[in-house]
């Protein structure tokens, strides 16, 4: 047992001493306490965590593919509904951009390079279109519709992944336990709060546990052509996200309290 404990202690020291290469660069604010409680124990340590986040996305819906783009990632409450759910401005957002970024401001995409000067033929076509807009009031295929707050993004085909979705991913935690006794204690504490808890794998002095929250949400905000499905409902959408954040954080707090009541490891 002494050799087993020494092996686990070495693994824990090496893992927790590594540089955090996640996009956040550290543990999320709302997961820091629960991770600290686990890492203070001699028989367990955390390997990854997310306190819960909301974001908008387009594509196939599977993050590991190149056909998936997410925007406005936030681990906090959405303070203002209209800016967050203004889909018309989505084209100017950075993929994977953080909505709050510690200042609760959006990351903006770099300005695109200026277009090349038009050739004579293109210049004539452009002037012709401009003349039609001025003379005809902007009607027809060349009309430019005003796009304001809460309007739909430019229509896109289903093949282009034009539909915009809202996703809320609840708390998730992965941790390594020294043995099955330690794993059983953590699982028992987690199951007082969360339904999705279990052992993922095991080896000598290494039992991997996963804890998943249950406040998830997945819903389309537009149809495949890009037409908004919830026009004028930004405040309602905001509450769908914020209420899940609050319930999710409350469950993390309950889990933390249950962990504090566990007896010290042998």
Protein backbone atom coordinates (compact mmCIF):
# COMPACT_ATOMS: atom_id res chain seq x y z
CA UNK A 1 0.00 0.00 0.00
CA UNK A 2 2.89 2.33 0.71
CA UNK A 3 4.17 1.91 -2.85
CA UNK A 4 0.68 2.53 -4.20
CA UNK A 5 0.33 5.72 -2.15
CA UNK A 6 3.74 6.96 -3.27
CA UNK A 7 2.86 6.33 -6.92
CA UNK A 8 -0.40 8.23 -6.56
CA UNK A 9 1.27 11.14 -4.77
CA UNK A 10 3.84 11.42 -7.54
CA UNK A 11 1.13 11.34 -10.23
CA UNK A 12 -0.86 14.02 -8.41
CA UNK A 13 2.15 16.28 -7.93
CA UNK A 14 3.16 16.00 -11.58
CA UNK A 15 -0.34 16.58 -12.92
CA UNK A 16 -1.22 19.57 -10.74
CA UNK A 17 2.18 21.08 -11.43
CA UNK A 18 1.63 21.18 -15.19
CA UNK A 19 0.77 24.36 -17.05
CA UNK A 20 -2.95 24.79 -17.66
CA UNK A 21 -3.38 24.74 -21.45
CA UNK A 22 -7.14 25.21 -21.50
CA UNK A 23 -8.65 28.20 -23.28
CA UNK A 24 -9.54 29.70 -19.89
CA UNK A 25 -5.95 29.38 -18.66
CA UNK A 26 -7.16 28.23 -15.24
CA UNK A 27 -10.08 26.82 -13.27
CA UNK A 28 -13.42 28.58 -13.81
CA UNK A 29 -14.43 30.88 -10.97
CA UNK A 30 -17.50 28.85 -10.03
CA UNK A 31 -15.53 25.57 -9.94
CA UNK A 32 -12.52 26.76 -7.96
CA UNK A 33 -13.89 25.90 -4.53
CA UNK A 34 -14.99 22.37 -5.37
CA UNK A 35 -11.67 21.68 -7.10
CA UNK A 36 -9.76 23.08 -4.11
CA UNK A 37 -11.66 20.80 -1.72
CA UNK A 38 -10.87 17.73 -3.84
CA UNK A 39 -7.23 18.67 -4.39
CA UNK A 40 -6.75 19.19 -0.65
CA UNK A 41 -7.43 15.50 -0.09
CA UNK A 42 -4.61 12.97 -0.12
CA UNK A 43 -6.59 10.43 -2.15
CA UNK A 44 -7.92 12.48 -5.10
CA UNK A 45 -7.17 15.28 -7.52
CA UNK A 46 -9.01 16.97 -10.39
CA UNK A 47 -7.92 16.47 -13.99
CA UNK A 48 -10.39 18.76 -15.81
CA UNK A 49 -13.46 20.80 -15.04
CA UNK A 50 -15.96 23.29 -16.42
CA UNK A 51 -18.34 25.22 -14.19
CA UNK A 52 -20.96 25.41 -16.95
CA UNK A 53 -21.22 27.62 -20.02
CA UNK A 54 -23.58 28.92 -22.65
CA UNK A 55 -22.80 29.69 -26.26
CA UNK A 56 -24.26 30.02 -29.73
CA UNK A 57 -23.17 27.60 -32.42
CA UNK A 58 -23.46 26.68 -36.07
CA UNK A 59 -22.49 23.56 -37.95
CA UNK A 60 -22.75 19.87 -37.14
CA UNK A 61 -23.06 20.26 -33.39
CA UNK A 62 -20.03 18.10 -32.62
CA UNK A 63 -17.17 20.17 -31.20
CA UNK A 64 -14.45 17.78 -32.36
CA UNK A 65 -15.25 18.38 -36.04
CA UNK A 66 -14.14 21.21 -38.32
CA UNK A 67 -17.79 21.83 -39.21
CA UNK A 68 -18.58 23.32 -35.81
CA UNK A 69 -18.26 26.98 -34.83
CA UNK A 70 -19.28 28.43 -31.48
CA UNK A 71 -19.64 32.06 -30.46
CA UNK A 72 -20.18 34.21 -27.37
CA UNK A 73 -19.01 31.61 -24.87
CA UNK A 74 -19.94 32.69 -21.35
CA UNK A 75 -19.54 31.06 -17.93
CA UNK A 76 -21.47 33.90 -16.27
CA UNK A 77 -24.99 35.29 -16.28
CA UNK A 78 -25.99 37.18 -19.39
CA UNK A 79 -26.44 40.75 -18.07
CA UNK A 80 -28.09 42.19 -21.19
CA UNK A 81 -30.38 40.14 -23.39
CA UNK A 82 -30.47 42.16 -26.60
CA UNK A 83 -26.71 42.35 -27.32
CA UNK A 84 -26.16 38.65 -26.61
CA UNK A 85 -29.04 37.45 -28.77
CA UNK A 86 -28.51 39.97 -31.57
CA UNK A 87 -27.95 37.39 -34.29
CA UNK A 88 -27.47 40.00 -37.00
CA UNK A 89 -24.03 40.84 -35.62
CA UNK A 90 -22.95 37.21 -35.28
CA UNK A 91 -20.96 37.29 -38.51
CA UNK A 92 -18.54 39.75 -36.87
CA UNK A 93 -17.81 37.55 -33.88
CA UNK A 94 -14.63 35.61 -33.17
CA UNK A 95 -15.12 31.85 -33.24
CA UNK A 96 -14.76 30.64 -29.63
CA UNK A 97 -14.73 34.26 -28.48
CA UNK A 98 -15.48 34.79 -24.79
CA UNK A 99 -18.51 36.99 -24.19
CA UNK A 100 -17.48 38.33 -20.79
CA UNK A 101 -13.66 38.07 -21.11
CA UNK A 102 -13.46 39.28 -17.50
CA UNK A 103 -14.87 42.62 -18.63
CA UNK A 104 -18.13 41.20 -19.96
CA UNK A 105 -17.32 42.54 -23.39
CA UNK A 106 -17.27 40.77 -26.69
CA UNK A 107 -14.12 39.83 -28.51
CA UNK A 108 -14.29 41.32 -31.96
CA UNK A 109 -12.92 39.78 -35.10
CA UNK A 110 -10.04 41.69 -36.67
CA UNK A 111 -11.11 44.07 -39.40
CA UNK A 112 -11.04 42.40 -42.80
CA UNK A 113 -8.48 43.67 -45.31
CA UNK A 114 -9.77 46.29 -47.78
CA UNK A 115 -11.14 44.81 -51.02
CA UNK A 116 -9.02 45.10 -54.14
CA UNK A 117 -9.84 48.03 -56.43
CA UNK A 118 -12.57 47.05 -58.90
CA UNK A 119 -11.80 46.47 -62.53
CA UNK A 120 -13.53 48.63 -65.11
CA UNK A 121 -16.21 46.01 -65.69
CA UNK A 122 -16.86 45.53 -61.97
CA UNK A 123 -16.85 49.29 -61.42
CA UNK A 124 -19.53 49.76 -64.10
CA UNK A 125 -21.64 47.01 -62.54
CA UNK A 126 -21.28 48.54 -59.07
CA UNK A 127 -22.24 52.03 -60.30
CA UNK A 128 -25.22 50.54 -62.13
CA UNK A 129 -26.45 48.82 -58.95
CA UNK A 130 -25.97 52.00 -56.95
CA UNK A 131 -27.97 53.99 -59.49
CA UNK A 132 -30.85 51.49 -59.34
CA UNK A 133 -30.90 51.71 -55.54
CA UNK A 134 -30.98 55.51 -55.61
CA UNK A 135 -33.61 55.71 -58.32
CA UNK A 136 -35.82 52.81 -57.27
CA UNK A 137 -35.62 53.12 -53.51
CA UNK A 138 -33.46 50.07 -53.06
CA UNK A 139 -36.03 47.56 -54.33
CA UNK A 140 -35.28 44.28 -56.02
CA UNK A 141 -32.49 41.80 -55.55
CA UNK A 142 -29.93 44.53 -54.85
CA UNK A 143 -31.85 46.05 -51.94
CA UNK A 144 -30.09 46.14 -48.60
CA UNK A 145 -32.47 45.46 -45.75
CA UNK A 146 -31.77 47.31 -42.49
CA UNK A 147 -30.39 45.03 -39.81
CA UNK A 148 -30.86 46.12 -36.26
CA UNK A 149 -30.82 44.72 -32.77
CA UNK A 150 -32.45 41.30 -32.53
CA UNK A 151 -32.75 40.83 -36.28
CA UNK A 152 -31.95 37.60 -38.07
CA UNK A 153 -28.51 36.82 -39.48
CA UNK A 154 -28.11 36.78 -43.25
CA UNK A 155 -29.95 33.74 -44.71
CA UNK A 156 -27.76 30.72 -45.30
CA UNK A 157 -28.52 27.33 -46.74
CA UNK A 158 -28.83 24.22 -44.61
CA UNK A 159 -25.71 22.86 -46.30
CA UNK A 160 -23.78 25.87 -45.03
CA UNK A 161 -24.93 25.20 -41.47
CA UNK A 162 -27.05 28.34 -41.50
CA UNK A 163 -29.13 27.43 -38.45
CA UNK A 164 -27.97 29.09 -35.23
CA UNK A 165 -28.35 27.11 -32.01
CA UNK A 166 -28.20 27.95 -28.32
CA UNK A 167 -26.48 25.47 -26.04
CA UNK A 168 -26.00 25.37 -22.27
CA UNK A 169 -23.47 22.84 -21.03
CA UNK A 170 -23.71 22.22 -17.27
CA UNK A 171 -20.97 21.51 -14.76
CA UNK A 172 -18.57 18.71 -15.62
CA UNK A 173 -15.69 17.38 -13.53
CA UNK A 174 -13.12 14.66 -14.06
CA UNK A 175 -10.95 13.49 -11.21
CA UNK A 176 -8.48 10.78 -10.34
CA UNK A 177 -8.82 8.78 -7.12
CA UNK A 178 -6.13 6.71 -5.44
CA UNK A 179 -8.25 3.59 -5.05
CA UNK A 180 -11.80 2.29 -5.14
CA UNK A 181 -12.46 3.31 -1.54
CA UNK A 182 -11.69 6.92 -2.38
CA UNK A 183 -13.71 6.69 -5.60
CA UNK A 184 -16.72 5.27 -3.75
CA UNK A 185 -16.64 8.15 -1.27
CA UNK A 186 -16.54 10.80 -4.01
CA UNK A 187 -19.26 9.06 -6.04
CA UNK A 188 -21.50 8.87 -2.97
CA UNK A 189 -21.06 12.60 -2.33
CA UNK A 190 -21.72 13.47 -5.97
CA UNK A 191 -24.84 11.34 -6.22
CA UNK A 192 -26.47 13.37 -3.47
CA UNK A 193 -26.68 16.14 -6.07
CA UNK A 194 -26.02 14.85 -9.59
CA UNK A 195 -27.56 11.94 -11.49
CA UNK A 196 -24.75 11.33 -13.97
CA UNK A 197 -21.78 10.10 -11.94
CA UNK A 198 -19.57 7.10 -12.56
CA UNK A 199 -16.21 5.41 -12.91
CA UNK A 200 -14.67 5.84 -16.37
CA UNK A 201 -11.56 3.69 -16.04
CA UNK A 202 -9.16 2.23 -13.50
CA UNK A 203 -5.63 0.94 -13.11
CA UNK A 204 -3.20 0.61 -10.23
CA UNK A 205 -3.48 3.71 -7.99
CA UNK A 206 -5.66 5.39 -10.61
CA UNK A 207 -9.47 5.34 -10.66
CA UNK A 208 -10.98 7.95 -12.98
CA UNK A 209 -14.35 9.48 -12.04
CA UNK A 210 -16.63 11.72 -14.12
CA UNK A 211 -19.39 13.96 -12.75
CA UNK A 212 -21.86 15.58 -15.18
CA UNK A 213 -24.45 18.19 -14.35
CA UNK A 214 -28.03 17.86 -15.57
CA UNK A 215 -29.07 21.42 -16.50
CA UNK A 216 -28.27 21.10 -20.20
CA UNK A 217 -30.11 22.96 -22.95
CA UNK A 218 -30.04 22.62 -26.74
CA UNK A 219 -32.42 24.65 -28.91
CA UNK A 220 -32.40 26.25 -32.38
CA UNK A 221 -32.64 30.04 -32.59
CA UNK A 222 -33.13 30.14 -36.36
CA UNK A 223 -34.33 27.81 -39.07
CA UNK A 224 -31.81 26.47 -41.61
CA UNK A 225 -32.36 29.51 -43.84
CA UNK A 226 -31.33 31.82 -40.99
CA UNK A 227 -34.82 33.14 -40.14
CA UNK A 228 -35.22 33.90 -36.44
CA UNK A 229 -37.56 31.62 -34.49
CA UNK A 230 -37.71 33.84 -31.40
CA UNK A 231 -37.99 37.37 -32.72
CA UNK A 232 -38.55 39.77 -29.83
CA UNK A 233 -37.97 37.04 -27.20
CA UNK A 234 -34.43 37.96 -26.14
CA UNK A 235 -35.41 38.48 -22.50
CA UNK A 236 -37.05 35.04 -22.36
CA UNK A 237 -33.98 33.41 -23.90
CA UNK A 238 -31.79 35.25 -21.40
CA UNK A 239 -33.79 33.77 -18.53
CA UNK A 240 -33.46 30.25 -19.96
CA UNK A 241 -29.69 30.58 -19.73
CA UNK A 242 -29.43 32.51 -16.46
CA UNK A 243 -31.83 30.24 -14.56
CA UNK A 244 -29.72 27.24 -15.57
CA UNK A 245 -26.55 28.96 -14.45
CA UNK A 246 -28.09 29.64 -11.03
CA UNK A 247 -29.36 26.08 -10.55
CA UNK A 248 -26.07 24.68 -11.81
CA UNK A 249 -24.01 26.80 -9.37
CA UNK A 250 -26.31 25.87 -6.49
CA UNK A 251 -25.68 22.18 -7.22
CA UNK A 252 -21.93 22.73 -7.33
CA UNK A 253 -22.18 24.35 -3.88
CA UNK A 254 -24.17 21.38 -2.54
CA UNK A 255 -21.61 18.96 -3.97
CA UNK A 256 -18.80 20.96 -2.35
CA UNK A 257 -20.59 20.81 1.01
CA UNK A 258 -21.02 17.04 0.69
CA UNK A 259 -17.30 16.63 -0.07
CA UNK A 260 -16.37 18.61 3.02
CA UNK A 261 -18.29 16.10 5.15
CA UNK A 262 -16.28 13.12 3.88
CA UNK A 263 -13.93 11.58 6.45
CA UNK A 264 -10.23 12.10 5.96
CA UNK A 265 -8.58 9.32 3.91
CA UNK A 266 -6.60 6.62 5.66
